[in-house]
Protein backbone atom coordinates (compact mmCIF):
# COMPACT_ATOMS: atom_id res chain seq x y z
CA MET A 1 55.30 -92.07 37.49
CA HIS A 2 56.12 -93.51 41.10
CA ILE A 3 53.17 -94.62 42.69
CA MET A 4 53.61 -95.97 46.22
CA ARG A 5 51.16 -98.33 47.48
CA PHE A 6 50.38 -99.10 51.08
CA THR A 7 48.60 -101.73 52.08
CA PHE A 8 46.82 -102.35 55.54
CA VAL A 9 45.50 -105.48 57.11
CA VAL A 10 42.32 -105.54 58.01
CA LEU A 11 40.11 -107.85 60.10
CA LEU A 12 36.17 -108.06 59.80
CA LEU A 13 34.63 -107.47 63.48
CA SER A 14 31.03 -106.87 64.86
CA LEU A 15 29.53 -103.53 64.31
CA ASN A 16 30.09 -100.55 67.05
CA THR A 17 33.04 -102.07 67.94
CA THR A 18 36.78 -101.24 67.91
CA ILE A 19 39.51 -103.55 69.88
CA VAL A 20 43.35 -102.44 70.12
CA LYS A 21 45.88 -103.65 72.41
CA ALA A 22 47.33 -101.42 75.25
CA GLY A 23 48.08 -98.08 73.93
CA LEU A 24 46.29 -95.55 71.87
CA VAL A 25 42.74 -96.33 71.54
CA LEU A 26 40.22 -94.59 69.27
CA SER A 27 36.26 -94.91 69.32
CA ALA A 28 33.45 -92.87 67.15
CA ASP A 29 30.23 -92.01 67.37
CA TYR A 30 28.08 -91.25 64.28
CA SER A 31 24.64 -90.25 66.40
CA MET A 32 24.81 -86.44 65.58
CA PHE A 33 25.05 -87.57 61.83
CA GLY A 34 20.88 -86.62 61.65
CA SER A 35 17.66 -87.42 61.61
CA SER A 36 17.70 -89.97 58.79
CA PRO A 37 17.01 -93.61 59.85
CA GLY A 38 20.49 -95.28 60.76
CA ASN A 39 22.49 -91.93 60.96
CA ASN A 40 23.39 -92.28 57.67
CA VAL A 41 24.96 -89.79 55.18
CA TYR A 42 24.43 -89.83 51.30
CA GLN A 43 26.43 -87.92 48.24
CA ASN A 44 25.21 -86.80 45.21
CA SER A 45 27.22 -86.86 41.76
CA ALA A 46 28.78 -83.90 42.53
CA GLY A 47 30.56 -84.67 45.70
CA GLN A 48 28.09 -82.87 48.08
CA ILE A 49 26.67 -84.84 50.92
CA PHE A 50 23.75 -85.10 52.80
CA THR A 51 21.93 -86.05 55.98
CA SER A 52 18.76 -87.25 53.99
CA ASN A 53 18.16 -88.77 50.62
CA SER A 54 15.76 -86.97 49.17
CA GLY A 55 15.76 -89.31 45.95
CA GLY A 56 18.43 -89.71 43.23
CA LEU A 57 21.71 -89.81 45.94
CA THR A 58 23.95 -92.50 47.07
CA ASP A 59 24.48 -94.34 50.77
CA VAL A 60 27.97 -93.76 51.28
CA THR A 61 27.58 -94.43 55.40
CA SER A 62 29.59 -97.50 55.17
CA LEU A 63 32.48 -95.91 52.83
CA PHE A 64 32.53 -93.23 55.80
CA HIS A 65 33.05 -95.79 58.53
CA THR A 66 35.52 -97.34 56.40
CA ASN A 67 37.49 -94.58 55.70
CA VAL A 68 37.44 -93.36 59.50
CA ASN A 69 38.56 -96.83 60.67
CA ALA A 70 41.51 -96.48 57.74
CA ALA A 71 42.51 -93.45 59.35
CA TYR A 72 42.51 -94.69 63.21
CA GLY A 73 45.06 -97.51 61.96
CA TYR A 74 47.63 -94.72 61.18
CA PHE A 75 47.19 -93.32 64.51
CA GLN A 76 46.54 -96.55 66.91
CA THR A 77 49.90 -98.10 65.04
CA ALA A 78 51.69 -94.98 65.74
CA PHE A 79 51.37 -95.36 69.47
CA PRO A 80 51.14 -98.62 70.21
CA ALA A 81 53.27 -99.16 73.29
CA ALA A 82 51.98 -101.16 76.40
CA SER A 83 52.91 -98.27 78.77
CA ILE A 84 50.65 -95.97 77.17
CA SER A 85 46.90 -95.35 78.46
CA TRP A 86 45.24 -93.04 76.06
CA ASN A 87 41.54 -93.00 75.38
CA HIS A 88 40.09 -90.79 72.87
CA SER A 89 36.50 -90.61 71.45
CA VAL A 90 35.39 -88.55 68.39
CA THR A 91 32.10 -87.63 67.61
CA TYR A 92 31.13 -86.68 64.02
CA LYS A 93 28.67 -84.27 62.79
CA LEU A 94 27.53 -83.22 59.37
CA ALA A 95 26.97 -79.54 59.02
CA ASP A 96 26.95 -76.38 56.58
CA LEU A 97 30.18 -75.13 56.88
CA THR A 98 29.94 -72.28 54.23
CA PRO A 99 30.49 -69.36 56.67
CA PHE A 100 33.88 -71.32 57.84
CA MET A 101 34.84 -71.80 54.32
CA ALA A 102 36.07 -75.08 55.38
CA ASP A 103 35.55 -78.62 54.47
CA GLY A 104 35.61 -79.74 58.15
CA ILE A 105 35.93 -78.39 61.95
CA SER A 106 37.21 -80.13 64.74
CA THR A 107 37.19 -79.37 68.87
CA ILE A 108 38.78 -80.75 71.54
CA LYS A 109 36.04 -81.19 73.91
CA SER A 110 37.62 -82.49 76.79
CA PHE A 111 40.95 -83.83 78.50
CA ASP A 112 42.01 -87.05 80.58
CA PRO A 113 43.93 -86.63 83.97
CA ASN A 114 47.42 -86.46 81.96
CA GLY A 115 46.29 -83.44 80.14
CA ARG A 116 45.64 -85.56 76.87
CA SER A 117 42.61 -85.15 74.85
CA ASN A 118 39.91 -87.54 75.22
CA ASP A 119 37.10 -86.32 73.39
CA SER A 120 36.61 -84.23 70.30
CA GLU A 121 34.20 -83.19 67.71
CA ILE A 122 34.38 -83.16 63.87
CA SER A 123 32.13 -81.49 61.75
CA ILE A 124 31.97 -82.44 58.02
CA ASP A 125 30.62 -79.95 55.81
CA THR A 126 27.40 -80.28 53.67
CA SER A 127 27.42 -77.39 51.64
CA ALA A 128 27.94 -77.27 47.39
CA ASN A 129 31.28 -76.22 48.65
CA SER A 130 32.85 -79.09 49.50
CA HIS A 131 33.19 -82.17 46.81
CA PHE A 132 34.36 -85.57 48.65
CA TYR A 133 35.69 -88.40 47.40
CA PHE A 134 34.90 -91.77 49.59
CA ASP A 135 37.70 -94.24 49.09
CA PRO A 136 36.16 -97.78 48.63
CA THR A 137 39.62 -98.91 49.21
CA PRO A 138 41.10 -96.54 51.85
CA PHE A 139 43.93 -99.33 52.52
CA ASN A 140 45.87 -98.59 49.62
CA ASN A 141 46.51 -95.63 47.60
CA SER A 142 46.56 -96.69 43.74
CA GLU A 143 44.46 -93.72 42.79
CA TRP A 144 47.23 -91.16 43.81
CA ASN A 145 51.19 -90.82 43.07
CA ILE A 146 52.32 -90.22 46.71
CA ILE A 147 55.90 -89.74 46.99
CA PRO A 148 57.74 -89.74 50.17
CA LYS A 149 59.48 -86.61 51.53
CA ASN A 150 62.27 -86.71 53.49
CA THR A 151 64.74 -84.69 54.31
CA ALA A 152 68.11 -84.17 56.60
CA LEU A 153 66.86 -83.01 60.12
CA GLY A 154 68.66 -83.64 63.31
CA GLY A 155 71.85 -84.85 61.80
CA GLY A 156 69.33 -87.86 60.33
CA VAL A 157 67.15 -88.50 57.86
CA VAL A 158 63.36 -87.46 58.50
CA ASN A 159 60.12 -88.35 56.63
CA VAL A 160 58.27 -84.87 56.65
CA GLY A 161 55.57 -85.72 54.13
CA LEU A 162 53.35 -88.07 52.35
CA LEU A 163 51.71 -86.12 49.81
CA GLY A 164 50.43 -86.85 46.45
CA LYS A 165 48.33 -86.18 43.65
CA ALA A 166 45.26 -87.99 41.92
CA LEU A 167 45.87 -90.05 38.81
CA THR A 168 44.60 -88.00 35.83
CA GLY A 169 40.98 -89.28 35.06
CA GLY A 170 40.45 -91.03 38.08
CA PRO A 171 37.73 -91.27 40.87
CA ALA A 172 39.75 -88.91 42.83
CA GLU A 173 40.42 -86.27 40.74
CA ASN A 174 39.10 -82.89 41.51
CA ARG A 175 37.71 -84.02 45.16
CA THR A 176 38.71 -83.54 48.42
CA ASP A 177 39.88 -86.98 50.11
CA ILE A 178 37.82 -87.77 53.03
CA LEU A 179 40.41 -89.92 54.27
CA THR A 180 43.17 -86.98 54.00
CA LEU A 181 40.60 -84.79 55.82
CA LEU A 182 39.74 -86.99 58.68
CA ILE A 183 43.44 -87.80 59.07
CA HIS A 184 44.35 -83.98 59.05
CA GLU A 185 41.57 -83.62 61.61
CA ILE A 186 42.47 -86.63 63.85
CA GLY A 187 45.74 -85.22 64.38
CA HIS A 188 44.34 -81.81 65.52
CA SER A 189 42.12 -83.40 67.78
CA LEU A 190 44.96 -85.41 69.46
CA GLY A 191 46.88 -82.65 70.43
CA LEU A 192 48.05 -80.42 67.35
CA SER A 193 45.60 -77.75 68.11
CA ASP A 194 45.43 -74.62 70.65
CA GLY A 195 42.93 -76.15 72.33
CA SER A 196 45.44 -77.85 74.01
CA ALA A 197 47.16 -76.93 77.09
CA ARG A 198 50.24 -79.34 76.35
CA PHE A 199 50.55 -77.79 72.60
CA GLN A 200 50.58 -74.10 73.85
CA ALA A 201 52.83 -74.96 76.46
CA ILE A 202 55.36 -76.19 74.25
CA VAL A 203 55.36 -73.91 71.30
CA GLY A 204 53.93 -70.54 73.06
CA PRO A 205 50.46 -68.94 73.59
CA ASP A 206 47.53 -68.27 71.21
CA THR A 207 47.74 -65.37 69.49
CA VAL A 208 47.00 -63.74 65.97
CA ILE A 209 47.59 -65.48 62.76
CA THR A 210 49.86 -62.33 61.81
CA ASP A 211 52.28 -63.06 64.51
CA PRO A 212 55.42 -64.86 63.78
CA ASP A 213 55.53 -68.73 63.47
CA ARG A 214 56.13 -70.58 66.50
CA GLN A 215 58.64 -72.93 66.96
CA MET A 216 58.43 -76.43 68.54
CA VAL A 217 61.63 -78.07 69.41
CA LEU A 218 61.97 -81.68 68.60
CA SER A 219 64.72 -82.83 70.87
CA SER A 220 67.26 -85.45 70.02
CA GLY A 221 66.52 -87.69 73.50
CA LEU A 222 62.66 -88.04 71.94
CA THR A 223 63.84 -88.71 68.45
CA GLY A 224 66.73 -90.71 68.60
CA LEU A 225 68.79 -88.23 66.39
CA ALA A 226 71.99 -86.88 66.83
CA SER A 227 70.83 -83.10 67.63
CA ASP A 228 67.31 -81.19 68.24
CA PHE A 229 65.40 -79.74 65.44
CA ASN A 230 62.79 -77.26 65.23
CA LEU A 231 59.22 -77.90 63.75
CA PRO A 232 57.28 -74.28 62.80
CA PHE A 233 53.72 -74.03 63.72
CA ARG A 234 51.79 -70.85 63.00
CA ALA A 235 50.36 -68.67 65.27
CA ALA A 236 47.03 -69.13 66.35
CA SER A 237 46.93 -72.55 64.63
CA GLY A 238 47.53 -76.15 65.26
CA HIS A 239 48.82 -76.28 61.45
CA ILE A 240 52.53 -76.79 61.07
CA ALA A 241 53.89 -73.74 59.25
CA ALA A 242 54.03 -74.81 55.45
CA LEU A 243 55.90 -71.62 53.73
CA ALA A 244 58.46 -71.25 57.07
CA SER A 245 62.03 -73.25 56.30
CA GLY A 246 61.75 -72.60 52.48
CA GLY A 247 58.68 -74.97 52.30
CA LEU A 248 60.45 -77.76 54.08
CA PHE A 249 56.99 -78.91 55.76
CA ALA A 250 54.28 -78.26 53.24
CA ASP A 251 53.77 -81.96 52.45
CA ALA A 252 52.78 -82.40 56.02
CA VAL A 253 49.05 -83.45 56.28
CA THR A 254 48.63 -80.73 59.03
CA SER A 255 50.41 -77.78 57.25
CA GLU A 256 48.63 -74.87 56.25
CA PRO A 257 48.32 -73.94 53.14
CA GLY A 258 48.17 -77.69 52.57
CA PHE A 259 46.16 -80.65 50.34
CA GLY A 260 44.02 -79.52 48.13
CA GLU A 261 41.19 -81.15 45.58
CA GLY A 262 42.70 -84.56 44.23
CA ASP A 263 45.18 -84.62 47.11
CA ARG A 264 46.01 -87.19 49.21
CA ALA A 265 48.34 -86.57 51.87
CA LEU A 266 49.36 -89.35 55.16
CA PHE A 267 50.76 -88.73 58.83
CA SER A 268 54.37 -88.20 58.59
CA ASP A 269 56.79 -89.13 60.82
CA VAL A 270 57.43 -85.40 62.08
CA GLU A 271 54.22 -85.40 62.76
CA ILE A 272 54.09 -88.00 64.82
CA TYR A 273 57.28 -86.83 66.68
CA ALA A 274 55.12 -83.83 67.53
CA LEU A 275 52.30 -85.74 68.64
CA ALA A 276 54.63 -87.88 70.85
CA ASN A 277 56.18 -84.21 71.98
CA VAL A 278 52.74 -82.57 73.31
CA ASN A 279 51.63 -85.41 74.89
CA GLY A 280 54.61 -86.54 76.83
CA PHE A 281 55.66 -89.94 75.44
CA ALA A 282 59.28 -91.15 75.08
CA ALA A 283 61.13 -92.33 72.32
CA GLY A 284 60.20 -95.97 73.25
CA GLN A 285 56.62 -95.63 73.58
CA PHE A 286 55.68 -94.57 69.26
CA GLN A 287 57.03 -96.13 66.52
CA LEU A 288 57.39 -94.41 62.98
CA ASN A 289 56.38 -95.00 59.57
CA SER A 290 53.27 -96.57 60.53
CA VAL A 291 51.74 -94.68 57.60
CA ALA A 292 53.25 -98.04 55.53
CA VAL A 293 51.47 -100.93 56.84
CA PRO A 294 50.20 -101.03 60.41
CA ASP A 295 51.83 -104.19 61.92
CA PRO A 296 49.44 -107.31 62.31
CA SER A 297 51.36 -108.73 65.11
CA ALA A 298 50.51 -105.67 66.76
CA GLY A 299 46.83 -106.76 67.64
CA LEU A 300 45.31 -103.91 65.87
CA LEU A 301 41.84 -105.24 64.62
CA LEU A 302 39.55 -102.86 62.72
CA ALA A 303 36.11 -102.85 61.91
CA THR A 304 35.13 -101.97 58.56
CA ALA A 305 31.34 -102.14 59.60
CA GLY A 306 29.89 -99.06 61.40
CA VAL A 307 32.11 -98.28 64.35
CA LEU A 308 31.68 -95.95 67.25
CA VAL A 309 34.01 -93.07 66.38
CA ILE A 310 34.67 -89.26 67.79
CA VAL A 311 36.52 -86.96 65.64
CA ARG A 312 37.73 -83.27 64.44
CA ARG A 313 39.18 -81.14 61.79
CA SER A 314 38.70 -78.79 59.08
CA ARG A 315 40.21 -78.50 55.38
CA ARG A 316 43.32 -76.40 54.89
CA SER A 317 43.11 -75.79 51.07
CA ARG A 318 40.19 -73.67 51.70
CA ALA A 319 40.88 -72.17 55.52
CA GLY A 320 42.67 -74.22 57.97
CA VAL A 321 40.52 -73.93 60.60
């Protein structure tokens, strides 16, 4: 059994505070959670979440915030360059997503003068269809058997997936990992979405889902590899085509079909390339392998208490919204 552990260095800050060095700055807003005091979220023993406590439920508000901050760590560490000025806020909502057959749905709401998304919304499913695992220690992955997937691309070796199954009998087994869901949706919010004009300009227009896959060319000038390579995206979707290229990209967290209950998927290097490409960044303005250990010397400080944040996403194993 191969268990890979990724450890985060986290410094505690005051409530509703996110501080990072120059680069991508993410914030969160939980004010749309519901009418309960403190905008709390509750969970029953089956994993369903609720906006109020009618009795016998567990308050998982702090765990939700902790997982949001962990998800933010991946992206803020990937885009730390002082030359980047990119602020993005995410509003979180809780809603019954049964009509969409999804654990979450994300929507980009607005863009900055550079055409980069700067405001988005994520809804998390409150129906009995969704059974969530709120990881109390999202800064390591000891509950999963995560095996990096690396492959030959562009004349070099590229990480194309970090996906693992929950350990048998562990607390994450048969549950949808909230951290994975958040990472998936944040990836959409930051530009891997047909809601982004930048994205469509690169992969082609939004068409019907039955049309052929679209291709994103990742140039050697961006990646630093010997040659260009293509990353396939599904038509009418911001999802990487998991079945294309012989399933080469099936382990990417934004691929479809992708993660399911009992899985943890983290943001891969190929997806960092894709986000950099969509948002017009140069090779020196992002860093790979950020999913391993966010660099504490980079000045990344994350609050593990309540942070003001905004996000977007849907679960791919049911519907891939």
